[in-house]
Each structure stands twice: as C-alpha cells, then as structure tokens.
Amino acid sequence: MEQRTRPTKRLGRRPRRAWLVVHVAVSVSWLGLTLGLLALGITAYTTEDASLTAASYRAMRVFADWLLVPVSLIALLSGVVLSLGTPWGLALHRWVWIKFWLTLVTAGATIFSLRPGILRSAADGIANPSLVAAPSVATSAYFFMTAVSVLKPWGPTRRGRRLRAATNVRPAVSTSSRKTLDGRSPRRTA
C-alpha cells in the first residue's frame, strides 16, 4: 500500500518570525524565572533567619501565582506552532521531538509539582530542599533545550527519513550564489 504524505501548511515569513520572537522571549523568560526561583529557594533553605525563609517563599509564591503557568504554557504552545508551521516539523527531527517532550514534561512538573510545592512552603514557612532541587533540574533542562535549539543535533527521526525518502525533493541550487532558484538560502532556519 502506498503511503501518501499530506502537504502541511507552512507559516508565512512574518507569522513565523512573530511566533519565533514569542517563543524565544517566553523561553528565555522561563529560564530567568527558574533561575530567580532557584536563588530564592537556596536563600530560604540556607538561611538561619526564619523571617528570611518565609519572605523568600512568599516571593516565590508571587512568581508561582502570576508567571509559572502562563509562561510554561506559552512556551509549549509557541514551540508546537513553530514546529508544525515550519519545515522542521514536530516529529521529523530528533532535536525538535526531544525538545517537545522535555517542554511538555517540565511544563507538567512546573504546574503540578513545583507550583503546589511553592504554595505549601509559602504557607508553612519551613525550609524545603525540594525547592532547591526542582529549579536546579528545570534550569539544567532549559539550558539543554537551548543548546539543542542552537546545535540541532541527531538528524531526522525515522518518520522524517521516511517522508524525506518519499518526497525526495531537493531544491535547485544556482552555482554562482548557492541560493535556491527562488532566491532563498538552501539552509533551513527556525
């Protein structure tokens, strides 16, 4: 049986760039927010002053109440829109697929574990080592996803190789400028 590939609708240049700006800005915000939570968590856990511990957890609660959920969900949504609206695809390249799953897992952990932990600690005011560990792990994950976005390692997935082989379309390249005949660079960009 012959497998048909459905052409996907690609984002135009302006919408793609707008979504890319949103995705990068929100992803960097999520990283910065997590670093701030880590600093507050370390302060709360290592201080001998009970009032400073309580104040650190109250500050973390402000971030948890207003920023954690929207920032994580917008990062996830904008990443999915970009992957589906560009040639990279959601499940065509390993780096995109891994970033998707890591973002989904970290967003879920942020919403269902980190945020409730912050709210409990803010109510109790007692030092909590998990509020040092969770932001540490999250920060490591975000740095890893940043590196993967820049380096784009590992090549296509099995599905990506299959679709590439099925279409087997290569852009025509001009020998003088190494640009495709329609004037765009043959290199893919996000």
N, C-alpha and C. Protein backbone atom coordinates (compact mmCIF):
# COMPACT_ATOMS: atom_id res chain seq x y z
N MET A 1 0.84 -1.17 0.00
CA MET A 1 0.00 0.00 0.00
C MET A 1 0.89 1.25 0.00
N GLU A 2 0.60 2.16 -0.86
CA GLU A 2 1.40 3.37 -0.98
C GLU A 2 0.99 4.37 0.10
N GLN A 3 1.99 4.92 0.77
CA GLN A 3 1.70 5.89 1.81
C GLN A 3 1.70 7.28 1.20
N ARG A 4 0.63 7.99 1.42
CA ARG A 4 0.53 9.36 0.92
C ARG A 4 0.94 10.33 2.01
N THR A 5 1.67 11.33 1.60
CA THR A 5 2.04 12.36 2.55
C THR A 5 1.22 13.59 2.24
N ARG A 6 0.61 14.10 3.27
CA ARG A 6 -0.22 15.28 3.14
C ARG A 6 0.67 16.51 3.27
N PRO A 7 0.60 17.43 2.30
CA PRO A 7 1.41 18.64 2.44
C PRO A 7 0.93 19.45 3.64
N THR A 8 1.87 19.92 4.45
CA THR A 8 1.49 20.69 5.62
C THR A 8 1.47 22.17 5.29
N LYS A 9 0.64 22.88 5.97
CA LYS A 9 0.54 24.32 5.78
C LYS A 9 1.68 24.97 6.54
N ARG A 10 2.50 25.71 5.85
CA ARG A 10 3.64 26.38 6.46
C ARG A 10 3.26 27.81 6.81
N LEU A 11 3.87 28.30 7.87
CA LEU A 11 3.68 29.69 8.25
C LEU A 11 4.39 30.58 7.25
N GLY A 12 3.81 31.72 6.97
CA GLY A 12 4.49 32.71 6.14
C GLY A 12 5.65 33.32 6.91
N ARG A 13 6.43 34.11 6.23
CA ARG A 13 7.63 34.67 6.84
C ARG A 13 7.32 35.54 8.07
N ARG A 14 6.37 36.46 7.95
CA ARG A 14 6.06 37.35 9.07
C ARG A 14 5.45 36.60 10.25
N PRO A 15 4.44 35.73 10.03
CA PRO A 15 3.92 34.99 11.18
C PRO A 15 4.96 34.08 11.83
N ARG A 16 5.82 33.46 11.00
CA ARG A 16 6.87 32.60 11.55
C ARG A 16 7.81 33.40 12.44
N ARG A 17 8.22 34.56 11.96
CA ARG A 17 9.11 35.40 12.75
C ARG A 17 8.44 35.89 14.03
N ALA A 18 7.16 36.24 13.94
CA ALA A 18 6.44 36.68 15.13
C ALA A 18 6.36 35.55 16.17
N TRP A 19 6.01 34.34 15.72
CA TRP A 19 5.96 33.19 16.63
C TRP A 19 7.34 32.87 17.18
N LEU A 20 8.37 33.03 16.37
CA LEU A 20 9.73 32.77 16.82
C LEU A 20 10.13 33.74 17.92
N VAL A 21 9.80 35.02 17.74
CA VAL A 21 10.10 36.03 18.77
C VAL A 21 9.36 35.68 20.07
N VAL A 22 8.09 35.33 19.95
CA VAL A 22 7.31 34.95 21.13
C VAL A 22 7.95 33.75 21.82
N HIS A 23 8.29 32.73 21.03
CA HIS A 23 8.85 31.51 21.61
C HIS A 23 10.19 31.76 22.30
N VAL A 24 11.07 32.50 21.66
CA VAL A 24 12.38 32.77 22.26
C VAL A 24 12.22 33.64 23.50
N ALA A 25 11.39 34.68 23.42
CA ALA A 25 11.20 35.57 24.57
C ALA A 25 10.61 34.83 25.77
N VAL A 26 9.61 34.01 25.52
CA VAL A 26 8.98 33.28 26.62
C VAL A 26 9.91 32.20 27.17
N SER A 27 10.65 31.54 26.29
CA SER A 27 11.58 30.51 26.75
C SER A 27 12.69 31.11 27.60
N VAL A 28 13.21 32.24 27.18
CA VAL A 28 14.23 32.93 27.97
C VAL A 28 13.63 33.42 29.29
N SER A 29 12.39 33.88 29.25
CA SER A 29 11.71 34.30 30.48
C SER A 29 11.55 33.13 31.44
N TRP A 30 11.21 31.96 30.90
CA TRP A 30 11.05 30.77 31.74
C TRP A 30 12.37 30.40 32.40
N LEU A 31 13.45 30.48 31.65
CA LEU A 31 14.78 30.21 32.20
C LEU A 31 15.12 31.22 33.30
N GLY A 32 14.90 32.50 33.04
CA GLY A 32 15.18 33.54 34.03
C GLY A 32 14.32 33.40 35.27
N LEU A 33 13.05 33.07 35.07
CA LEU A 33 12.14 32.86 36.18
C LEU A 33 12.62 31.70 37.05
N THR A 34 13.06 30.63 36.41
CA THR A 34 13.54 29.47 37.15
C THR A 34 14.84 29.78 37.90
N LEU A 35 15.72 30.56 37.28
CA LEU A 35 16.94 30.98 37.99
C LEU A 35 16.60 31.84 39.21
N GLY A 36 15.61 32.71 39.07
CA GLY A 36 15.16 33.51 40.21
C GLY A 36 14.58 32.64 41.31
N LEU A 37 13.78 31.64 40.92
CA LEU A 37 13.22 30.71 41.91
C LEU A 37 14.34 29.92 42.60
N LEU A 38 15.35 29.54 41.84
CA LEU A 38 16.49 28.82 42.41
C LEU A 38 17.22 29.69 43.44
N ALA A 39 17.45 30.94 43.11
CA ALA A 39 18.12 31.85 44.05
C ALA A 39 17.30 32.02 45.33
N LEU A 40 16.00 32.18 45.18
CA LEU A 40 15.14 32.31 46.36
C LEU A 40 15.08 31.01 47.15
N GLY A 41 15.03 29.87 46.45
CA GLY A 41 14.99 28.58 47.13
C GLY A 41 16.26 28.32 47.92
N ILE A 42 17.42 28.66 47.33
CA ILE A 42 18.70 28.49 48.04
C ILE A 42 18.75 29.41 49.26
N THR A 43 18.30 30.64 49.08
CA THR A 43 18.27 31.58 50.20
C THR A 43 17.40 31.06 51.33
N ALA A 44 16.20 30.60 51.00
CA ALA A 44 15.28 30.11 52.02
C ALA A 44 15.82 28.87 52.73
N TYR A 45 16.50 28.01 51.99
CA TYR A 45 16.98 26.76 52.57
C TYR A 45 18.24 26.94 53.41
N THR A 46 19.08 27.88 53.04
CA THR A 46 20.38 28.00 53.71
C THR A 46 20.40 29.04 54.83
N THR A 47 19.42 29.88 54.92
CA THR A 47 19.47 30.93 55.94
C THR A 47 19.07 30.38 57.32
N GLU A 48 19.58 31.02 58.33
CA GLU A 48 19.21 30.69 59.72
C GLU A 48 18.03 31.55 60.17
N ASP A 49 17.72 32.57 59.40
CA ASP A 49 16.68 33.54 59.76
C ASP A 49 15.32 33.05 59.26
N ALA A 50 14.41 32.73 60.18
CA ALA A 50 13.09 32.21 59.82
C ALA A 50 12.27 33.24 59.03
N SER A 51 12.45 34.52 59.35
CA SER A 51 11.70 35.54 58.62
C SER A 51 12.18 35.66 57.18
N LEU A 52 13.48 35.46 56.93
CA LEU A 52 14.01 35.49 55.56
C LEU A 52 13.53 34.26 54.78
N THR A 53 13.46 33.11 55.43
CA THR A 53 12.91 31.91 54.79
C THR A 53 11.48 32.16 54.36
N ALA A 54 10.67 32.69 55.27
CA ALA A 54 9.26 32.96 54.95
C ALA A 54 9.13 34.00 53.84
N ALA A 55 9.97 35.04 53.88
CA ALA A 55 9.93 36.08 52.85
C ALA A 55 10.34 35.52 51.49
N SER A 56 11.34 34.65 51.47
CA SER A 56 11.77 34.04 50.20
C SER A 56 10.65 33.20 49.59
N TYR A 57 9.98 32.43 50.42
CA TYR A 57 8.88 31.60 49.91
C TYR A 57 7.68 32.45 49.49
N ARG A 58 7.45 33.57 50.18
CA ARG A 58 6.37 34.47 49.75
C ARG A 58 6.71 35.09 48.40
N ALA A 59 7.98 35.44 48.19
CA ALA A 59 8.40 35.98 46.89
C ALA A 59 8.25 34.91 45.80
N MET A 60 8.62 33.67 46.13
CA MET A 60 8.44 32.58 45.16
C MET A 60 6.96 32.40 44.82
N ARG A 61 6.11 32.60 45.81
CA ARG A 61 4.67 32.43 45.58
C ARG A 61 4.15 33.48 44.59
N VAL A 62 4.67 34.69 44.66
CA VAL A 62 4.25 35.72 43.69
C VAL A 62 4.55 35.25 42.27
N PHE A 63 5.75 34.70 42.05
CA PHE A 63 6.10 34.18 40.73
C PHE A 63 5.21 32.99 40.36
N ALA A 64 4.95 32.12 41.35
CA ALA A 64 4.13 30.94 41.08
C ALA A 64 2.69 31.32 40.76
N ASP A 65 2.16 32.32 41.45
CA ASP A 65 0.78 32.72 41.22
C ASP A 65 0.58 33.41 39.87
N TRP A 66 1.55 34.21 39.45
CA TRP A 66 1.34 35.05 38.28
C TRP A 66 2.07 34.59 37.02
N LEU A 67 3.20 33.92 37.14
CA LEU A 67 4.03 33.70 35.95
C LEU A 67 4.25 32.25 35.55
N LEU A 68 4.39 31.35 36.48
CA LEU A 68 4.81 29.98 36.14
C LEU A 68 3.90 29.30 35.12
N VAL A 69 2.61 29.29 35.37
CA VAL A 69 1.69 28.58 34.47
C VAL A 69 1.62 29.23 33.10
N PRO A 70 1.36 30.55 33.00
CA PRO A 70 1.28 31.13 31.65
C PRO A 70 2.57 31.03 30.85
N VAL A 71 3.70 31.25 31.51
CA VAL A 71 4.98 31.20 30.79
C VAL A 71 5.25 29.79 30.27
N SER A 72 5.01 28.78 31.09
CA SER A 72 5.26 27.40 30.65
C SER A 72 4.32 27.00 29.52
N LEU A 73 3.05 27.38 29.62
CA LEU A 73 2.09 27.01 28.57
C LEU A 73 2.33 27.76 27.27
N ILE A 74 2.72 29.02 27.36
CA ILE A 74 3.01 29.78 26.13
C ILE A 74 4.27 29.24 25.46
N ALA A 75 5.27 28.85 26.24
CA ALA A 75 6.47 28.24 25.66
C ALA A 75 6.11 26.96 24.92
N LEU A 76 5.28 26.14 25.53
CA LEU A 76 4.85 24.89 24.90
C LEU A 76 4.04 25.16 23.64
N LEU A 77 3.05 26.03 23.73
CA LEU A 77 2.19 26.33 22.59
C LEU A 77 2.97 26.94 21.42
N SER A 78 3.83 27.92 21.72
CA SER A 78 4.57 28.57 20.64
C SER A 78 5.55 27.60 19.99
N GLY A 79 6.13 26.69 20.76
CA GLY A 79 7.02 25.68 20.20
C GLY A 79 6.28 24.73 19.27
N VAL A 80 5.07 24.33 19.67
CA VAL A 80 4.27 23.43 18.83
C VAL A 80 3.87 24.14 17.54
N VAL A 81 3.43 25.40 17.64
CA VAL A 81 3.04 26.16 16.45
C VAL A 81 4.22 26.28 15.50
N LEU A 82 5.40 26.62 16.03
CA LEU A 82 6.59 26.75 15.18
C LEU A 82 6.95 25.42 14.53
N SER A 83 6.90 24.35 15.30
CA SER A 83 7.30 23.07 14.72
C SER A 83 6.33 22.62 13.64
N LEU A 84 5.06 22.85 13.84
CA LEU A 84 4.08 22.43 12.83
C LEU A 84 4.02 23.38 11.64
N GLY A 85 4.45 24.62 11.83
CA GLY A 85 4.36 25.61 10.77
C GLY A 85 5.65 25.85 10.02
N THR A 86 6.68 25.05 10.30
CA THR A 86 7.96 25.19 9.62
C THR A 86 8.40 23.83 9.08
N PRO A 87 9.39 23.80 8.22
CA PRO A 87 9.85 22.51 7.68
C PRO A 87 10.44 21.57 8.73
N TRP A 88 10.75 22.08 9.92
CA TRP A 88 11.33 21.21 10.94
C TRP A 88 10.33 20.16 11.40
N GLY A 89 9.06 20.49 11.43
CA GLY A 89 8.03 19.53 11.84
C GLY A 89 8.14 19.15 13.30
N LEU A 90 7.07 18.57 13.84
CA LEU A 90 7.08 18.19 15.25
C LEU A 90 7.80 16.87 15.48
N ALA A 91 7.60 15.91 14.59
CA ALA A 91 8.21 14.59 14.79
C ALA A 91 9.11 14.20 13.62
N LEU A 92 9.68 15.19 12.93
CA LEU A 92 10.53 14.90 11.78
C LEU A 92 12.01 14.93 12.11
N HIS A 93 12.38 15.68 13.15
CA HIS A 93 13.78 15.78 13.57
C HIS A 93 13.87 15.47 15.06
N ARG A 94 14.88 14.71 15.42
CA ARG A 94 15.01 14.27 16.81
C ARG A 94 15.12 15.43 17.79
N TRP A 95 15.86 16.47 17.42
CA TRP A 95 16.03 17.57 18.34
C TRP A 95 14.71 18.27 18.64
N VAL A 96 13.83 18.39 17.65
CA VAL A 96 12.52 19.02 17.87
C VAL A 96 11.66 18.12 18.75
N TRP A 97 11.69 16.83 18.44
CA TRP A 97 10.90 15.86 19.18
C TRP A 97 11.33 15.81 20.65
N ILE A 98 12.64 15.81 20.89
CA ILE A 98 13.15 15.79 22.26
C ILE A 98 12.79 17.08 22.99
N LYS A 99 12.92 18.23 22.32
CA LYS A 99 12.54 19.50 22.93
C LYS A 99 11.06 19.52 23.28
N PHE A 100 10.22 18.99 22.39
CA PHE A 100 8.78 18.95 22.65
C PHE A 100 8.50 18.17 23.93
N TRP A 101 9.06 16.95 24.03
CA TRP A 101 8.79 16.11 25.19
C TRP A 101 9.38 16.71 26.47
N LEU A 102 10.57 17.27 26.40
CA LEU A 102 11.15 17.92 27.58
C LEU A 102 10.31 19.12 28.02
N THR A 103 9.84 19.90 27.06
CA THR A 103 9.00 21.04 27.40
C THR A 103 7.69 20.58 28.01
N LEU A 104 7.10 19.53 27.44
CA LEU A 104 5.85 19.00 27.98
C LEU A 104 6.04 18.49 29.41
N VAL A 105 7.12 17.76 29.64
CA VAL A 105 7.40 17.22 30.98
C VAL A 105 7.70 18.35 31.97
N THR A 106 8.53 19.30 31.58
CA THR A 106 8.87 20.39 32.51
C THR A 106 7.67 21.30 32.77
N ALA A 107 6.83 21.52 31.76
CA ALA A 107 5.62 22.32 31.98
C ALA A 107 4.69 21.58 32.95
N GLY A 108 4.52 20.27 32.74
CA GLY A 108 3.69 19.49 33.65
C GLY A 108 4.24 19.48 35.07
N ALA A 109 5.55 19.30 35.21
CA ALA A 109 6.16 19.30 36.53
C ALA A 109 6.04 20.67 37.19
N THR A 110 6.16 21.72 36.39
CA THR A 110 6.02 23.08 36.92
C THR A 110 4.62 23.31 37.45
N ILE A 111 3.63 22.91 36.65
CA ILE A 111 2.23 23.18 37.01
C ILE A 111 1.75 22.27 38.14
N PHE A 112 2.10 20.98 38.08
CA PHE A 112 1.51 20.02 39.01
C PHE A 112 2.39 19.68 40.20
N SER A 113 3.66 20.09 40.21
CA SER A 113 4.53 19.75 41.33
C SER A 113 5.21 20.99 41.93
N LEU A 114 5.92 21.76 41.10
CA LEU A 114 6.66 22.91 41.61
C LEU A 114 5.73 23.97 42.19
N ARG A 115 4.72 24.35 41.45
CA ARG A 115 3.81 25.40 41.92
C ARG A 115 3.12 25.00 43.23
N PRO A 116 2.53 23.79 43.33
CA PRO A 116 1.94 23.41 44.62
C PRO A 116 2.96 23.35 45.75
N GLY A 117 4.20 22.93 45.45
CA GLY A 117 5.25 22.91 46.47
C GLY A 117 5.57 24.30 46.98
N ILE A 118 5.61 25.25 46.06
CA ILE A 118 5.87 26.64 46.45
C ILE A 118 4.73 27.16 47.32
N LEU A 119 3.50 26.86 46.92
CA LEU A 119 2.34 27.35 47.69
C LEU A 119 2.34 26.75 49.10
N ARG A 120 2.67 25.46 49.23
CA ARG A 120 2.74 24.82 50.56
C ARG A 120 3.84 25.45 51.40
N SER A 121 5.01 25.63 50.82
CA SER A 121 6.13 26.20 51.57
C SER A 121 5.87 27.65 51.96
N ALA A 122 5.18 28.39 51.10
CA ALA A 122 4.84 29.77 51.44
C ALA A 122 3.87 29.81 52.62
N ALA A 123 2.97 28.83 52.69
CA ALA A 123 2.03 28.77 53.81
C ALA A 123 2.72 28.31 55.09
N ASP A 124 3.66 27.34 54.97
CA ASP A 124 4.33 26.78 56.15
C ASP A 124 5.49 27.66 56.63
N GLY A 125 6.26 28.19 55.69
CA GLY A 125 7.43 28.99 56.04
C GLY A 125 8.60 28.17 56.54
N ILE A 126 8.60 26.86 56.23
CA ILE A 126 9.65 25.95 56.69
C ILE A 126 10.55 25.62 55.50
N ALA A 127 11.86 25.56 55.74
CA ALA A 127 12.83 25.28 54.67
C ALA A 127 12.49 23.97 53.97
N ASN A 128 12.53 23.99 52.64
CA ASN A 128 12.14 22.84 51.83
C ASN A 128 13.22 22.57 50.78
N PRO A 129 13.96 21.46 50.90
CA PRO A 129 15.04 21.19 49.94
C PRO A 129 14.54 20.92 48.52
N SER A 130 13.29 20.51 48.36
CA SER A 130 12.77 20.27 47.01
C SER A 130 12.66 21.56 46.21
N LEU A 131 12.58 22.70 46.91
CA LEU A 131 12.51 23.98 46.20
C LEU A 131 13.90 24.51 45.82
N VAL A 132 14.92 23.73 46.11
CA VAL A 132 16.25 23.96 45.55
C VAL A 132 16.47 22.95 44.42
N ALA A 133 16.06 21.71 44.64
CA ALA A 133 16.27 20.65 43.65
C ALA A 133 15.46 20.87 42.38
N ALA A 134 14.18 21.18 42.52
CA ALA A 134 13.32 21.32 41.33
C ALA A 134 13.79 22.44 40.40
N PRO A 135 14.05 23.66 40.90
CA PRO A 135 14.57 24.68 39.99
C PRO A 135 15.95 24.34 39.41
N SER A 136 16.76 23.58 40.15
CA SER A 136 18.07 23.16 39.62
C SER A 136 17.89 22.24 38.42
N VAL A 137 17.02 21.26 38.56
CA VAL A 137 16.75 20.33 37.45
C VAL A 137 16.12 21.07 36.28
N ALA A 138 15.16 21.95 36.56
CA ALA A 138 14.49 22.70 35.50
C ALA A 138 15.49 23.59 34.75
N THR A 139 16.37 24.26 35.48
CA THR A 139 17.37 25.11 34.85
C THR A 139 18.28 24.30 33.94
N SER A 140 18.68 23.14 34.40
CA SER A 140 19.52 22.26 33.57
C SER A 140 18.78 21.85 32.30
N ALA A 141 17.50 21.52 32.44
CA ALA A 141 16.70 21.13 31.27
C ALA A 141 16.59 22.28 30.28
N TYR A 142 16.38 23.50 30.77
CA TYR A 142 16.23 24.65 29.87
C TYR A 142 17.54 24.98 29.16
N PHE A 143 18.65 24.86 29.87
CA PHE A 143 19.95 25.07 29.22
C PHE A 143 20.19 23.99 28.15
N PHE A 144 19.84 22.76 28.45
CA PHE A 144 19.98 21.68 27.48
C PHE A 144 19.11 21.95 26.25
N MET A 145 17.86 22.37 26.46
CA MET A 145 16.98 22.66 25.32
C MET A 145 17.50 23.84 24.50
N THR A 146 18.11 24.80 25.16
CA THR A 146 18.71 25.93 24.44
C THR A 146 19.85 25.44 23.56
N ALA A 147 20.71 24.60 24.11
CA ALA A 147 21.83 24.06 23.32
C ALA A 147 21.31 23.24 22.15
N VAL A 148 20.29 22.44 22.37
CA VAL A 148 19.72 21.62 21.29
C VAL A 148 19.13 22.51 20.21
N SER A 149 18.50 23.61 20.59
CA SER A 149 17.92 24.54 19.60
C SER A 149 18.99 25.17 18.73
N VAL A 150 20.13 25.46 19.32
CA VAL A 150 21.20 26.10 18.57
C VAL A 150 21.96 25.09 17.72
N LEU A 151 22.27 23.93 18.28
CA LEU A 151 23.11 22.95 17.59
C LEU A 151 22.35 22.03 16.63
N LYS A 152 21.08 21.79 16.91
CA LYS A 152 20.22 20.93 16.08
C LYS A 152 20.87 19.57 15.76
N PRO A 153 21.21 18.82 16.80
CA PRO A 153 21.90 17.54 16.58
C PRO A 153 20.95 16.40 16.21
N TRP A 154 21.54 15.26 15.90
CA TRP A 154 20.87 13.96 15.80
C TRP A 154 20.12 13.67 14.52
N GLY A 155 19.89 14.60 13.65
CA GLY A 155 19.26 14.30 12.37
C GLY A 155 17.78 13.99 12.46
N PRO A 156 17.23 13.49 11.36
CA PRO A 156 15.79 13.24 11.31
C PRO A 156 15.39 11.98 12.07
N THR A 157 14.12 11.94 12.46
CA THR A 157 13.55 10.75 13.07
C THR A 157 13.30 9.71 11.98
N ARG A 158 12.88 8.54 12.38
CA ARG A 158 12.54 7.51 11.39
C ARG A 158 11.42 8.02 10.47
N ARG A 159 10.42 8.67 11.05
CA ARG A 159 9.33 9.23 10.25
C ARG A 159 9.87 10.31 9.30
N GLY A 160 10.77 11.15 9.80
CA GLY A 160 11.36 12.20 8.96
C GLY A 160 12.15 11.62 7.80
N ARG A 161 12.92 10.54 8.05
CA ARG A 161 13.67 9.90 6.97
C ARG A 161 12.71 9.28 5.95
N ARG A 162 11.65 8.67 6.43
CA ARG A 162 10.68 8.05 5.54
C ARG A 162 9.99 9.10 4.65
N LEU A 163 9.59 10.22 5.25
CA LEU A 163 8.94 11.28 4.46
C LEU A 163 9.91 11.92 3.48
N ARG A 164 11.16 12.09 3.90
CA ARG A 164 12.17 12.66 3.01
C ARG A 164 12.40 11.75 1.82
N ALA A 165 12.49 10.44 2.08
CA ALA A 165 12.71 9.48 1.00
C ALA A 165 11.50 9.43 0.07
N ALA A 166 10.29 9.57 0.65
CA ALA A 166 9.08 9.51 -0.17
C ALA A 166 8.97 10.72 -1.10
N THR A 167 9.33 11.87 -0.61
CA THR A 167 9.24 13.08 -1.44
C THR A 167 10.48 13.26 -2.29
N ASN A 168 11.66 12.98 -1.70
CA ASN A 168 12.94 13.05 -2.39
C ASN A 168 13.06 14.28 -3.27
N VAL A 169 12.63 15.42 -2.73
CA VAL A 169 12.70 16.68 -3.46
C VAL A 169 13.88 17.48 -2.94
N ARG A 170 14.75 17.87 -3.79
CA ARG A 170 15.91 18.70 -3.45
C ARG A 170 15.73 20.06 -4.13
N PRO A 171 16.06 21.16 -3.44
CA PRO A 171 15.95 22.47 -4.08
C PRO A 171 17.01 22.63 -5.17
N ALA A 172 16.63 23.29 -6.24
CA ALA A 172 17.59 23.59 -7.30
C ALA A 172 18.52 24.69 -6.79
N VAL A 173 19.83 24.51 -6.99
CA VAL A 173 20.80 25.44 -6.46
C VAL A 173 21.57 26.08 -7.61
N SER A 174 21.67 27.38 -7.54
CA SER A 174 22.47 28.13 -8.51
C SER A 174 23.94 27.99 -8.11
N THR A 175 24.79 27.74 -9.05
CA THR A 175 26.21 27.53 -8.73
C THR A 175 26.91 28.82 -8.35
N SER A 176 26.41 29.96 -8.78
CA SER A 176 27.12 31.20 -8.52
C SER A 176 26.88 31.74 -7.11
N SER A 177 25.67 31.61 -6.57
CA SER A 177 25.41 32.24 -5.28
C SER A 177 25.00 31.26 -4.19
N ARG A 178 24.90 29.98 -4.50
CA ARG A 178 24.47 28.96 -3.55
C ARG A 178 23.11 29.27 -2.96
N LYS A 179 22.30 29.99 -3.69
CA LYS A 179 20.93 30.24 -3.26
C LYS A 179 20.01 29.44 -4.16
N THR A 180 18.85 29.10 -3.64
CA THR A 180 17.89 28.38 -4.46
C THR A 180 17.39 29.29 -5.56
N LEU A 181 16.73 28.70 -6.54
CA LEU A 181 16.26 29.49 -7.67
C LEU A 181 15.22 30.54 -7.26
N ASP A 182 14.53 30.30 -6.15
CA ASP A 182 13.56 31.31 -5.73
C ASP A 182 14.21 32.40 -4.86
N GLY A 183 15.54 32.36 -4.67
CA GLY A 183 16.25 33.43 -4.00
C GLY A 183 16.50 33.22 -2.52
N ARG A 184 15.97 32.12 -1.98
CA ARG A 184 16.17 31.87 -0.56
C ARG A 184 17.38 30.98 -0.35
N SER A 185 17.98 31.09 0.80
CA SER A 185 19.13 30.26 1.15
C SER A 185 18.68 28.81 1.28
N PRO A 186 19.50 27.83 0.86
CA PRO A 186 19.11 26.44 0.98
C PRO A 186 19.13 25.93 2.42
N ARG A 187 19.74 26.67 3.34
CA ARG A 187 19.77 26.27 4.75
C ARG A 187 18.43 26.53 5.40
N ARG A 188 18.00 25.61 6.22
CA ARG A 188 16.74 25.80 6.94
C ARG A 188 16.99 26.67 8.15
N THR A 189 16.03 27.52 8.45
CA THR A 189 16.08 28.33 9.66
C THR A 189 14.85 28.04 10.46
N ALA A 190 14.91 28.40 11.72
CA ALA A 190 13.75 28.15 12.59
C ALA A 190 12.66 29.04 12.16
